[in-house]
PDB file of all heavy atoms in Angstrom:
ATOM      1  N   MET A   1      81.469 111.440  81.673  1.00  0.00           N
ATOM      2  CA  MET A   1      82.374 111.690  80.568  1.00  0.00           C
ATOM      3  C   MET A   1      83.685 112.271  81.119  1.00  0.00           C
ATOM      4  O   MET A   1      83.667 113.071  82.036  1.00  0.00           O
ATOM      5  CB  MET A   1      81.729 112.679  79.602  1.00  0.00           C
ATOM      6  CG  MET A   1      82.101 112.478  78.178  1.00  0.00           C
ATOM      7  SD  MET A   1      81.118 113.626  77.192  1.00  0.00           S
ATOM      8  CE  MET A   1      81.546 113.084  75.602  1.00  0.00           C
ATOM      9  N   SER A   2      84.782 111.872  80.537  1.00  0.00           N
ATOM     10  CA  SER A   2      86.098 112.302  80.996  1.00  0.00           C
ATOM     11  C   SER A   2      86.324 113.783  80.717  1.00  0.00           C
ATOM     12  O   SER A   2      86.048 114.269  79.622  1.00  0.00           O
ATOM     13  CB  SER A   2      87.167 111.481  80.282  1.00  0.00           C
ATOM     14  OG  SER A   2      88.428 112.030  80.492  1.00  0.00           O
ATOM     15  N   ARG A   3      86.819 114.510  81.736  1.00  0.00           N
ATOM     16  CA  ARG A   3      87.105 115.934  81.539  1.00  0.00           C
ATOM     17  C   ARG A   3      88.247 116.120  80.542  1.00  0.00           C
ATOM     18  O   ARG A   3      88.216 117.028  79.728  1.00  0.00           O
ATOM     19  CB  ARG A   3      87.479 116.591  82.869  1.00  0.00           C
ATOM     20  CG  ARG A   3      86.255 116.886  83.703  1.00  0.00           C
ATOM     21  CD  ARG A   3      86.653 117.529  84.998  1.00  0.00           C
ATOM     22  NE  ARG A   3      87.144 116.475  85.885  1.00  0.00           N
ATOM     23  CZ  ARG A   3      87.968 116.659  86.900  1.00  0.00           C
ATOM     24  NH1 ARG A   3      88.446 117.848  87.145  1.00  0.00           N
ATOM     25  NH2 ARG A   3      88.338 115.658  87.661  1.00  0.00           N
ATOM     26  N   ILE A   4      89.259 115.260  80.642  1.00  0.00           N
ATOM     27  CA  ILE A   4      90.383 115.350  79.711  1.00  0.00           C
ATOM     28  C   ILE A   4      89.927 114.945  78.312  1.00  0.00           C
ATOM     29  O   ILE A   4      90.267 115.585  77.328  1.00  0.00           O
ATOM     30  CB  ILE A   4      91.548 114.452  80.183  1.00  0.00           C
ATOM     31  CG1 ILE A   4      92.135 115.014  81.462  1.00  0.00           C
ATOM     32  CG2 ILE A   4      92.604 114.312  79.109  1.00  0.00           C
ATOM     33  CD1 ILE A   4      93.160 114.130  82.111  1.00  0.00           C
ATOM     34  N   GLY A   5      89.145 113.875  78.218  1.00  0.00           N
ATOM     35  CA  GLY A   5      88.712 113.352  76.924  1.00  0.00           C
ATOM     36  C   GLY A   5      87.843 114.298  76.132  1.00  0.00           C
ATOM     37  O   GLY A   5      87.812 114.248  74.902  1.00  0.00           O
ATOM     38  N   LYS A   6      87.104 115.190  76.806  1.00  0.00           N
ATOM     39  CA  LYS A   6      86.209 116.124  76.113  1.00  0.00           C
ATOM     40  C   LYS A   6      86.961 117.160  75.293  1.00  0.00           C
ATOM     41  O   LYS A   6      86.443 117.657  74.299  1.00  0.00           O
ATOM     42  CB  LYS A   6      85.364 116.895  77.140  1.00  0.00           C
ATOM     43  CG  LYS A   6      84.255 116.128  77.751  1.00  0.00           C
ATOM     44  CD  LYS A   6      83.472 117.081  78.631  1.00  0.00           C
ATOM     45  CE  LYS A   6      82.812 116.358  79.773  1.00  0.00           C
ATOM     46  NZ  LYS A   6      82.156 117.268  80.706  1.00  0.00           N
ATOM     47  N   LYS A   7      88.189 117.519  75.727  1.00  0.00           N
ATOM     48  CA  LYS A   7      88.932 118.585  75.064  1.00  0.00           C
ATOM     49  C   LYS A   7      89.364 118.168  73.665  1.00  0.00           C
ATOM     50  O   LYS A   7      89.935 117.103  73.482  1.00  0.00           O
ATOM     51  CB  LYS A   7      90.180 118.939  75.865  1.00  0.00           C
ATOM     52  CG  LYS A   7      89.903 119.475  77.234  1.00  0.00           C
ATOM     53  CD  LYS A   7      91.205 119.728  77.961  1.00  0.00           C
ATOM     54  CE  LYS A   7      90.956 120.160  79.389  1.00  0.00           C
ATOM     55  NZ  LYS A   7      92.214 120.260  80.144  1.00  0.00           N
ATOM     56  N   PRO A   8      89.121 119.015  72.655  1.00  0.00           N
ATOM     57  CA  PRO A   8      89.626 118.701  71.314  1.00  0.00           C
ATOM     58  C   PRO A   8      91.140 118.890  71.261  1.00  0.00           C
ATOM     59  O   PRO A   8      91.705 119.691  72.006  1.00  0.00           O
ATOM     60  CB  PRO A   8      88.907 119.699  70.409  1.00  0.00           C
ATOM     61  CG  PRO A   8      88.494 120.804  71.310  1.00  0.00           C
ATOM     62  CD  PRO A   8      88.326 120.231  72.677  1.00  0.00           C
ATOM     63  N   ILE A   9      91.798 118.144  70.386  1.00  0.00           N
ATOM     64  CA  ILE A   9      93.248 118.226  70.229  1.00  0.00           C
ATOM     65  C   ILE A   9      93.522 119.012  68.954  1.00  0.00           C
ATOM     66  O   ILE A   9      93.104 118.601  67.876  1.00  0.00           O
ATOM     67  CB  ILE A   9      93.861 116.819  70.114  1.00  0.00           C
ATOM     68  CG1 ILE A   9      93.402 115.938  71.262  1.00  0.00           C
ATOM     69  CG2 ILE A   9      95.371 116.898  70.078  1.00  0.00           C
ATOM     70  CD1 ILE A   9      93.572 114.471  71.001  1.00  0.00           C
ATOM     71  N   SER A  10      94.222 120.138  69.086  1.00  0.00           N
ATOM     72  CA  SER A  10      94.535 120.922  67.886  1.00  0.00           C
ATOM     73  C   SER A  10      95.770 120.332  67.214  1.00  0.00           C
ATOM     74  O   SER A  10      96.741 119.987  67.862  1.00  0.00           O
ATOM     75  CB  SER A  10      94.766 122.391  68.244  1.00  0.00           C
ATOM     76  OG  SER A  10      95.865 122.505  69.107  1.00  0.00           O
ATOM     77  N   VAL A  11      95.696 120.211  65.898  1.00  0.00           N
ATOM     78  CA  VAL A  11      96.776 119.632  65.102  1.00  0.00           C
ATOM     79  C   VAL A  11      97.626 120.766  64.537  1.00  0.00           C
ATOM     80  O   VAL A  11      97.106 121.648  63.863  1.00  0.00           O
ATOM     81  CB  VAL A  11      96.206 118.765  63.960  1.00  0.00           C
ATOM     82  CG1 VAL A  11      97.321 118.183  63.117  1.00  0.00           C
ATOM     83  CG2 VAL A  11      95.331 117.662  64.519  1.00  0.00           C
ATOM     84  N   PRO A  12      98.958 120.776  64.807  1.00  0.00           N
ATOM     85  CA  PRO A  12      99.827 121.826  64.245  1.00  0.00           C
ATOM     86  C   PRO A  12      99.854 121.767  62.712  1.00  0.00           C
ATOM     87  O   PRO A  12      99.531 120.753  62.106  1.00  0.00           O
ATOM     88  CB  PRO A  12     101.208 121.489  64.822  1.00  0.00           C
ATOM     89  CG  PRO A  12     100.946 120.614  65.997  1.00  0.00           C
ATOM     90  CD  PRO A  12      99.673 119.888  65.707  1.00  0.00           C
ATOM     91  N   ASP A  13     100.266 122.861  62.098  1.00  0.00           N
ATOM     92  CA  ASP A  13     100.270 122.967  60.641  1.00  0.00           C
ATOM     93  C   ASP A  13     101.210 121.972  59.970  1.00  0.00           C
ATOM     94  O   ASP A  13     100.934 121.488  58.891  1.00  0.00           O
ATOM     95  CB  ASP A  13     100.683 124.390  60.217  1.00  0.00           C
ATOM     96  CG  ASP A  13      99.667 125.421  60.663  1.00  0.00           C
ATOM     97  OD1 ASP A  13      98.487 125.048  60.809  1.00  0.00           O
ATOM     98  OD2 ASP A  13     100.051 126.590  60.856  1.00  0.00           O
ATOM     99  N   LYS A  14     102.344 121.668  60.618  1.00  0.00           N
ATOM    100  CA  LYS A  14     103.366 120.814  60.006  1.00  0.00           C
ATOM    101  C   LYS A  14     103.037 119.329  60.093  1.00  0.00           C
ATOM    102  O   LYS A  14     103.801 118.505  59.630  1.00  0.00           O
ATOM    103  CB  LYS A  14     104.711 121.045  60.699  1.00  0.00           C
ATOM    104  CG  LYS A  14     105.168 122.471  60.719  1.00  0.00           C
ATOM    105  CD  LYS A  14     106.405 122.604  61.574  1.00  0.00           C
ATOM    106  CE  LYS A  14     106.052 123.375  62.835  1.00  0.00           C
ATOM    107  NZ  LYS A  14     107.102 123.420  63.815  1.00  0.00           N
ATOM    108  N   VAL A  15     101.923 118.968  60.713  1.00  0.00           N
ATOM    109  CA  VAL A  15     101.612 117.563  60.989  1.00  0.00           C
ATOM    110  C   VAL A  15     100.491 117.063  60.086  1.00  0.00           C
ATOM    111  O   VAL A  15      99.470 117.736  59.909  1.00  0.00           O
ATOM    112  CB  VAL A  15     101.223 117.383  62.476  1.00  0.00           C
ATOM    113  CG1 VAL A  15     100.853 115.963  62.772  1.00  0.00           C
ATOM    114  CG2 VAL A  15     102.360 117.832  63.374  1.00  0.00           C
ATOM    115  N   ASP A  16     100.694 115.857  59.509  1.00  0.00           N
ATOM    116  CA  ASP A  16      99.656 115.197  58.720  1.00  0.00           C
ATOM    117  C   ASP A  16      99.050 114.078  59.549  1.00  0.00           C
ATOM    118  O   ASP A  16      99.773 113.271  60.141  1.00  0.00           O
ATOM    119  CB  ASP A  16     100.258 114.591  57.445  1.00  0.00           C
ATOM    120  CG  ASP A  16     100.787 115.651  56.497  1.00  0.00           C
ATOM    121  OD1 ASP A  16     100.242 116.767  56.498  1.00  0.00           O
ATOM    122  OD2 ASP A  16     101.750 115.352  55.769  1.00  0.00           O
ATOM    123  N   VAL A  17      97.725 114.008  59.560  1.00  0.00           N
ATOM    124  CA  VAL A  17      97.015 112.991  60.337  1.00  0.00           C
ATOM    125  C   VAL A  17      96.162 112.162  59.391  1.00  0.00           C
ATOM    126  O   VAL A  17      95.469 112.699  58.526  1.00  0.00           O
ATOM    127  CB  VAL A  17      96.117 113.646  61.416  1.00  0.00           C
ATOM    128  CG1 VAL A  17      95.324 112.605  62.173  1.00  0.00           C
ATOM    129  CG2 VAL A  17      96.955 114.472  62.373  1.00  0.00           C
ATOM    130  N   LYS A  18      96.229 110.825  59.571  1.00  0.00           N
ATOM    131  CA  LYS A  18      95.405 109.929  58.778  1.00  0.00           C
ATOM    132  C   LYS A  18      94.646 109.016  59.746  1.00  0.00           C
ATOM    133  O   LYS A  18      95.254 108.336  60.572  1.00  0.00           O
ATOM    134  CB  LYS A  18      96.279 109.090  57.842  1.00  0.00           C
ATOM    135  CG  LYS A  18      95.483 108.352  56.779  1.00  0.00           C
ATOM    136  CD  LYS A  18      96.362 107.444  55.948  1.00  0.00           C
ATOM    137  CE  LYS A  18      97.434 108.216  55.208  1.00  0.00           C
ATOM    138  NZ  LYS A  18      98.286 107.318  54.393  1.00  0.00           N
ATOM    139  N   VAL A  19      93.305 109.014  59.651  1.00  0.00           N
ATOM    140  CA  VAL A  19      92.465 108.205  60.533  1.00  0.00           C
ATOM    141  C   VAL A  19      91.771 107.137  59.711  1.00  0.00           C
ATOM    142  O   VAL A  19      91.122 107.440  58.709  1.00  0.00           O
ATOM    143  CB  VAL A  19      91.403 109.083  61.252  1.00  0.00           C
ATOM    144  CG1 VAL A  19      90.514 108.248  62.127  1.00  0.00           C
ATOM    145  CG2 VAL A  19      92.069 110.181  62.050  1.00  0.00           C
ATOM    146  N   GLU A  20      91.925 105.875  60.128  1.00  0.00           N
ATOM    147  CA  GLU A  20      91.234 104.748  59.481  1.00  0.00           C
ATOM    148  C   GLU A  20      90.624 103.887  60.569  1.00  0.00           C
ATOM    149  O   GLU A  20      91.301 103.033  61.137  1.00  0.00           O
ATOM    150  CB  GLU A  20      92.225 103.933  58.646  1.00  0.00           C
ATOM    151  CG  GLU A  20      92.844 104.693  57.501  1.00  0.00           C
ATOM    152  CD  GLU A  20      94.009 103.948  56.881  1.00  0.00           C
ATOM    153  OE1 GLU A  20      94.378 102.867  57.386  1.00  0.00           O
ATOM    154  OE2 GLU A  20      94.567 104.460  55.904  1.00  0.00           O
ATOM    155  N   GLY A  21      89.374 104.133  60.904  1.00  0.00           N
ATOM    156  CA  GLY A  21      88.730 103.401  61.995  1.00  0.00           C
ATOM    157  C   GLY A  21      89.356 103.806  63.318  1.00  0.00           C
ATOM    158  O   GLY A  21      89.330 104.971  63.691  1.00  0.00           O
ATOM    159  N   LEU A  22      89.951 102.849  64.030  1.00  0.00           N
ATOM    160  CA  LEU A  22      90.641 103.150  65.280  1.00  0.00           C
ATOM    161  C   LEU A  22      92.146 103.292  65.084  1.00  0.00           C
ATOM    162  O   LEU A  22      92.875 103.517  66.047  1.00  0.00           O
ATOM    163  CB  LEU A  22      90.355 102.064  66.324  1.00  0.00           C
ATOM    164  CG  LEU A  22      88.946 102.057  66.902  1.00  0.00           C
ATOM    165  CD1 LEU A  22      88.763 100.893  67.863  1.00  0.00           C
ATOM    166  CD2 LEU A  22      88.637 103.364  67.606  1.00  0.00           C
ATOM    167  N   SER A  23      92.617 103.152  63.839  1.00  0.00           N
ATOM    168  CA  SER A  23      94.036 103.331  63.540  1.00  0.00           C
ATOM    169  C   SER A  23      94.322 104.790  63.255  1.00  0.00           C
ATOM    170  O   SER A  23      93.571 105.447  62.535  1.00  0.00           O
ATOM    171  CB  SER A  23      94.437 102.515  62.318  1.00  0.00           C
ATOM    172  OG  SER A  23      94.789 101.238  62.679  1.00  0.00           O
ATOM    173  N   LEU A  24      95.429 105.265  63.809  1.00  0.00           N
ATOM    174  CA  LEU A  24      95.804 106.650  63.633  1.00  0.00           C
ATOM    175  C   LEU A  24      97.266 106.715  63.214  1.00  0.00           C
ATOM    176  O   LEU A  24      98.121 106.071  63.827  1.00  0.00           O
ATOM    177  CB  LEU A  24      95.602 107.394  64.959  1.00  0.00           C
ATOM    178  CG  LEU A  24      95.836 108.889  64.967  1.00  0.00           C
ATOM    179  CD1 LEU A  24      94.715 109.589  64.209  1.00  0.00           C
ATOM    180  CD2 LEU A  24      95.883 109.391  66.384  1.00  0.00           C
ATOM    181  N   THR A  25      97.561 107.459  62.148  1.00  0.00           N
ATOM    182  CA  THR A  25      98.935 107.677  61.691  1.00  0.00           C
ATOM    183  C   THR A  25      99.208 109.165  61.738  1.00  0.00           C
ATOM    184  O   THR A  25      98.443 109.956  61.186  1.00  0.00           O
ATOM    185  CB  THR A  25      99.122 107.158  60.253  1.00  0.00           C
ATOM    186  OG1 THR A  25      98.730 105.787  60.207  1.00  0.00           O
ATOM    187  CG2 THR A  25     100.565 107.278  59.814  1.00  0.00           C
ATOM    188  N   VAL A  26     100.294 109.534  62.431  1.00  0.00           N
ATOM    189  CA  VAL A  26     100.661 110.933  62.581  1.00  0.00           C
ATOM    190  C   VAL A  26     102.061 111.103  62.018  1.00  0.00           C
ATOM    191  O   VAL A  26     102.989 110.416  62.421  1.00  0.00           O
ATOM    192  CB  VAL A  26     100.624 111.340  64.070  1.00  0.00           C
ATOM    193  CG1 VAL A  26     101.030 112.781  64.234  1.00  0.00           C
ATOM    194  CG2 VAL A  26      99.260 111.102  64.658  1.00  0.00           C
ATOM    195  N   LYS A  27     102.209 112.030  61.052  1.00  0.00           N
ATOM    196  CA  LYS A  27     103.504 112.278  60.426  1.00  0.00           C
ATOM    197  C   LYS A  27     103.855 113.746  60.617  1.00  0.00           C
ATOM    198  O   LYS A  27     103.060 114.625  60.298  1.00  0.00           O
ATOM    199  CB  LYS A  27     103.433 111.937  58.936  1.00  0.00           C
ATOM    200  CG  LYS A  27     104.777 111.913  58.239  1.00  0.00           C
ATOM    201  CD  LYS A  27     104.640 111.646  56.765  1.00  0.00           C
ATOM    202  CE  LYS A  27     104.329 110.191  56.512  1.00  0.00           C
ATOM    203  NZ  LYS A  27     104.331 109.863  55.070  1.00  0.00           N
ATOM    204  N   GLY A  28     105.062 113.991  61.178  1.00  0.00           N
ATOM    205  CA  GLY A  28     105.488 115.355  61.446  1.00  0.00           C
ATOM    206  C   GLY A  28     106.947 115.539  61.101  1.00  0.00           C
ATOM    207  O   GLY A  28     107.585 114.656  60.528  1.00  0.00           O
ATOM    208  N   PRO A  29     107.529 116.699  61.482  1.00  0.00           N
ATOM    209  CA  PRO A  29     108.920 116.978  61.145  1.00  0.00           C
ATOM    210  C   PRO A  29     109.919 116.020  61.806  1.00  0.00           C
ATOM    211  O   PRO A  29     110.981 115.759  61.254  1.00  0.00           O
ATOM    212  CB  PRO A  29     109.145 118.410  61.646  1.00  0.00           C
ATOM    213  CG  PRO A  29     107.931 118.812  62.370  1.00  0.00           C
ATOM    214  CD  PRO A  29     106.877 117.812  62.136  1.00  0.00           C
ATOM    215  N   LYS A  30     109.611 115.469  62.964  1.00  0.00           N
ATOM    216  CA  LYS A  30     110.538 114.570  63.669  1.00  0.00           C
ATOM    217  C   LYS A  30     110.414 113.115  63.223  1.00  0.00           C
ATOM    218  O   LYS A  30     111.316 112.321  63.446  1.00  0.00           O
ATOM    219  CB  LYS A  30     110.294 114.635  65.184  1.00  0.00           C
ATOM    220  CG  LYS A  30     110.612 115.960  65.799  1.00  0.00           C
ATOM    221  CD  LYS A  30     112.004 115.947  66.329  1.00  0.00           C
ATOM    222  CE  LYS A  30     112.273 117.236  67.068  1.00  0.00           C
ATOM    223  NZ  LYS A  30     113.600 117.283  67.607  1.00  0.00           N
ATOM    224  N   GLY A  31     109.266 112.736  62.651  1.00  0.00           N
ATOM    225  CA  GLY A  31     109.090 111.348  62.234  1.00  0.00           C
ATOM    226  C   GLY A  31     107.629 110.978  62.118  1.00  0.00           C
ATOM    227  O   GLY A  31     106.754 111.838  62.015  1.00  0.00           O
ATOM    228  N   GLU A  32     107.378 109.674  62.143  1.00  0.00           N
ATOM    229  CA  GLU A  32     106.018 109.157  61.954  1.00  0.00           C
ATOM    230  C   GLU A  32     105.686 108.150  63.055  1.00  0.00           C
ATOM    231  O   GLU A  32     106.516 107.316  63.408  1.00  0.00           O
ATOM    232  CB  GLU A  32     105.930 108.472  60.591  1.00  0.00           C
ATOM    233  CG  GLU A  32     104.568 107.919  60.270  1.00  0.00           C
ATOM    234  CD  GLU A  32     104.503 107.296  58.876  1.00  0.00           C
ATOM    235  OE1 GLU A  32     105.354 107.625  58.026  1.00  0.00           O
ATOM    236  OE2 GLU A  32     103.597 106.485  58.661  1.00  0.00           O
ATOM    237  N   LEU A  33     104.468 108.240  63.597  1.00  0.00           N
ATOM    238  CA  LEU A  33     103.998 107.304  64.620  1.00  0.00           C
ATOM    239  C   LEU A  33     102.658 106.718  64.205  1.00  0.00           C
ATOM    240  O   LEU A  33     101.821 107.414  63.622  1.00  0.00           O
ATOM    241  CB  LEU A  33     103.819 108.010  65.971  1.00  0.00           C
ATOM    242  CG  LEU A  33     105.076 108.433  66.714  1.00  0.00           C
ATOM    243  CD1 LEU A  33     104.702 109.255  67.937  1.00  0.00           C
ATOM    244  CD2 LEU A  33     105.879 107.219  67.129  1.00  0.00           C
ATOM    245  N   ARG A  34     102.478 105.434  64.520  1.00  0.00           N
ATOM    246  CA  ARG A  34     101.203 104.749  64.260  1.00  0.00           C
ATOM    247  C   ARG A  34     100.720 104.133  65.553  1.00  0.00           C
ATOM    248  O   ARG A  34     101.504 103.622  66.337  1.00  0.00           O
ATOM    249  CB  ARG A  34     101.386 103.626  63.243  1.00  0.00           C
ATOM    250  CG  ARG A  34     101.594 104.089  61.851  1.00  0.00           C
ATOM    251  CD  ARG A  34     101.505 102.903  60.881  1.00  0.00           C
ATOM    252  NE  ARG A  34     101.807 103.358  59.549  1.00  0.00           N
ATOM    253  CZ  ARG A  34     102.983 103.252  58.969  1.00  0.00           C
ATOM    254  NH1 ARG A  34     103.987 102.687  59.614  1.00  0.00           N
ATOM    255  NH2 ARG A  34     103.178 103.697  57.756  1.00  0.00           N
ATOM    256  N   ARG A  35      99.409 104.157  65.750  1.00  0.00           N
ATOM    257  CA  ARG A  35      98.842 103.523  66.938  1.00  0.00           C
ATOM    258  C   ARG A  35      97.404 103.145  66.649  1.00  0.00           C
ATOM    259  O   ARG A  35      96.683 103.861  65.975  1.00  0.00           O
ATOM    260  CB  ARG A  35      98.910 104.474  68.128  1.00  0.00           C
ATOM    261  CG  ARG A  35      98.175 103.926  69.329  1.00  0.00           C
ATOM    262  CD  ARG A  35      98.446 104.727  70.576  1.00  0.00           C
ATOM    263  NE  ARG A  35      99.168 103.853  71.478  1.00  0.00           N
ATOM    264  CZ  ARG A  35     100.294 104.138  72.098  1.00  0.00           C
ATOM    265  NH1 ARG A  35     100.854 105.290  71.913  1.00  0.00           N
ATOM    266  NH2 ARG A  35     100.854 103.288  72.909  1.00  0.00           N
ATOM    267  N   THR A  36      97.003 102.000  67.197  1.00  0.00           N
ATOM    268  CA  THR A  36      95.608 101.593  67.143  1.00  0.00           C
ATOM    269  C   THR A  36      95.028 101.845  68.518  1.00  0.00           C
ATOM    270  O   THR A  36      95.517 101.293  69.509  1.00  0.00           O
ATOM    271  CB  THR A  36      95.487 100.103  66.768  1.00  0.00           C
ATOM    272  OG1 THR A  36      96.133  99.900  65.511  1.00  0.00           O
ATOM    273  CG2 THR A  36      94.036  99.687  66.671  1.00  0.00           C
ATOM    274  N   LEU A  37      94.011 102.676  68.586  1.00  0.00           N
ATOM    275  CA  LEU A  37      93.413 103.016  69.870  1.00  0.00           C
ATOM    276  C   LEU A  37      92.530 101.881  70.372  1.00  0.00           C
ATOM    277  O   LEU A  37      92.047 101.059  69.587  1.00  0.00           O
ATOM    278  CB  LEU A  37      92.597 104.304  69.737  1.00  0.00           C
ATOM    279  CG  LEU A  37      93.395 105.557  69.391  1.00  0.00           C
ATOM    280  CD1 LEU A  37      92.477 106.750  69.284  1.00  0.00           C
ATOM    281  CD2 LEU A  37      94.462 105.820  70.426  1.00  0.00           C
ATOM    282  N   PRO A  38      92.318 101.814  71.687  1.00  0.00           N
ATOM    283  CA  PRO A  38      91.487 100.740  72.237  1.00  0.00           C
ATOM    284  C   PRO A  38      90.026 100.871  71.793  1.00  0.00           C
ATOM    285  O   PRO A  38      89.566 101.965  71.445  1.00  0.00           O
ATOM    286  CB  PRO A  38      91.615 100.924  73.749  1.00  0.00           C
ATOM    287  CG  PRO A  38      92.110 102.300  73.954  1.00  0.00           C
ATOM    288  CD  PRO A  38      92.860 102.681  72.727  1.00  0.00           C
ATOM    289  N   THR A  39      89.310  99.755  71.816  1.00  0.00           N
ATOM    290  CA  THR A  39      87.890  99.781  71.442  1.00  0.00           C
ATOM    291  C   THR A  39      87.107 100.553  72.498  1.00  0.00           C
ATOM    292  O   THR A  39      87.531 100.682  73.628  1.00  0.00           O
ATOM    293  CB  THR A  39      87.335  98.354  71.328  1.00  0.00           C
ATOM    294  OG1 THR A  39      87.539  97.693  72.574  1.00  0.00           O
ATOM    295  CG2 THR A  39      88.013  97.585  70.224  1.00  0.00           C
ATOM    296  N   GLY A  40      85.965 101.056  72.098  1.00  0.00           N
ATOM    297  CA  GLY A  40      85.115 101.795  73.026  1.00  0.00           C
ATOM    298  C   GLY A  40      85.125 103.295  72.765  1.00  0.00           C
ATOM    299  O   GLY A  40      84.416 104.037  73.430  1.00  0.00           O
ATOM    300  N   VAL A  41      85.938 103.750  71.802  1.00  0.00           N
ATOM    301  CA  VAL A  41      85.984 105.175  71.471  1.00  0.00           C
ATOM    302  C   VAL A  41      85.909 105.349  69.955  1.00  0.00           C
ATOM    303  O   VAL A  41      86.128 104.405  69.201  1.00  0.00           O
ATOM    304  CB  VAL A  41      87.276 105.851  71.994  1.00  0.00           C
ATOM    305  CG1 VAL A  41      87.315 105.842  73.497  1.00  0.00           C
ATOM    306  CG2 VAL A  41      88.516 105.209  71.416  1.00  0.00           C
ATOM    307  N   THR A  42      85.583 106.559  69.527  1.00  0.00           N
ATOM    308  CA  THR A  42      85.606 106.897  68.107  1.00  0.00           C
ATOM    309  C   THR A  42      86.481 108.137  67.912  1.00  0.00           C
ATOM    310  O   THR A  42      86.555 108.988  68.790  1.00  0.00           O
ATOM    311  CB  THR A  42      84.194 107.202  67.561  1.00  0.00           C
ATOM    312  OG1 THR A  42      83.633 108.276  68.316  1.00  0.00           O
ATOM    313  CG2 THR A  42      83.298 105.990  67.639  1.00  0.00           C
ATOM    314  N   ILE A  43      87.122 108.223  66.740  1.00  0.00           N
ATOM    315  CA  ILE A  43      87.994 109.349  66.425  1.00  0.00           C
ATOM    316  C   ILE A  43      87.366 110.121  65.273  1.00  0.00           C
ATOM    317  O   ILE A  43      86.955 109.522  64.281  1.00  0.00           O
ATOM    318  CB  ILE A  43      89.385 108.874  65.954  1.00  0.00           C
ATOM    319  CG1 ILE A  43      89.960 107.815  66.871  1.00  0.00           C
ATOM    320  CG2 ILE A  43      90.341 110.035  65.835  1.00  0.00           C
ATOM    321  CD1 ILE A  43      91.174 107.124  66.288  1.00  0.00           C
ATOM    322  N   SER A  44      87.315 111.441  65.416  1.00  0.00           N
ATOM    323  CA  SER A  44      86.878 112.267  64.287  1.00  0.00           C
ATOM    324  C   SER A  44      87.899 113.382  64.078  1.00  0.00           C
ATOM    325  O   SER A  44      88.340 114.016  65.035  1.00  0.00           O
ATOM    326  CB  SER A  44      85.483 112.844  64.532  1.00  0.00           C
ATOM    327  OG  SER A  44      85.469 113.621  65.701  1.00  0.00           O
ATOM    328  N   TYR A  45      88.282 113.582  62.805  1.00  0.00           N
ATOM    329  CA  TYR A  45      89.293 114.582  62.455  1.00  0.00           C
ATOM    330  C   TYR A  45      88.660 115.587  61.507  1.00  0.00           C
ATOM    331  O   TYR A  45      88.302 115.263  60.380  1.00  0.00           O
ATOM    332  CB  TYR A  45      90.492 113.889  61.797  1.00  0.00           C
ATOM    333  CG  TYR A  45      91.546 114.814  61.273  1.00  0.00           C
ATOM    334  CD1 TYR A  45      92.152 115.741  62.097  1.00  0.00           C
ATOM    335  CD2 TYR A  45      91.942 114.750  59.943  1.00  0.00           C
ATOM    336  CE1 TYR A  45      93.133 116.589  61.624  1.00  0.00           C
ATOM    337  CE2 TYR A  45      92.923 115.590  59.451  1.00  0.00           C
ATOM    338  CZ  TYR A  45      93.516 116.508  60.293  1.00  0.00           C
ATOM    339  OH  TYR A  45      94.489 117.341  59.816  1.00  0.00           O
ATOM    340  N   LYS A  46      88.475 116.826  61.996  1.00  0.00           N
ATOM    341  CA  LYS A  46      87.865 117.883  61.184  1.00  0.00           C
ATOM    342  C   LYS A  46      88.571 119.202  61.454  1.00  0.00           C
ATOM    343  O   LYS A  46      88.843 119.539  62.614  1.00  0.00           O
ATOM    344  CB  LYS A  46      86.382 118.053  61.537  1.00  0.00           C
ATOM    345  CG  LYS A  46      85.528 116.871  61.187  1.00  0.00           C
ATOM    346  CD  LYS A  46      84.104 117.080  61.642  1.00  0.00           C
ATOM    347  CE  LYS A  46      83.348 115.774  61.509  1.00  0.00           C
ATOM    348  NZ  LYS A  46      82.233 115.674  62.415  1.00  0.00           N
TER     349      LYS A  46
END
């Protein structure tokens, strides 16, 4: 298992995150980014 991959990513208060399968939408004070992650991983946001 990847040492980097194991670490959870903390989401700042000003940022909205939307997860739909492997698609991720991140909206913050500077703008909005969308990305579809590669297959072989799962995303959980809690």
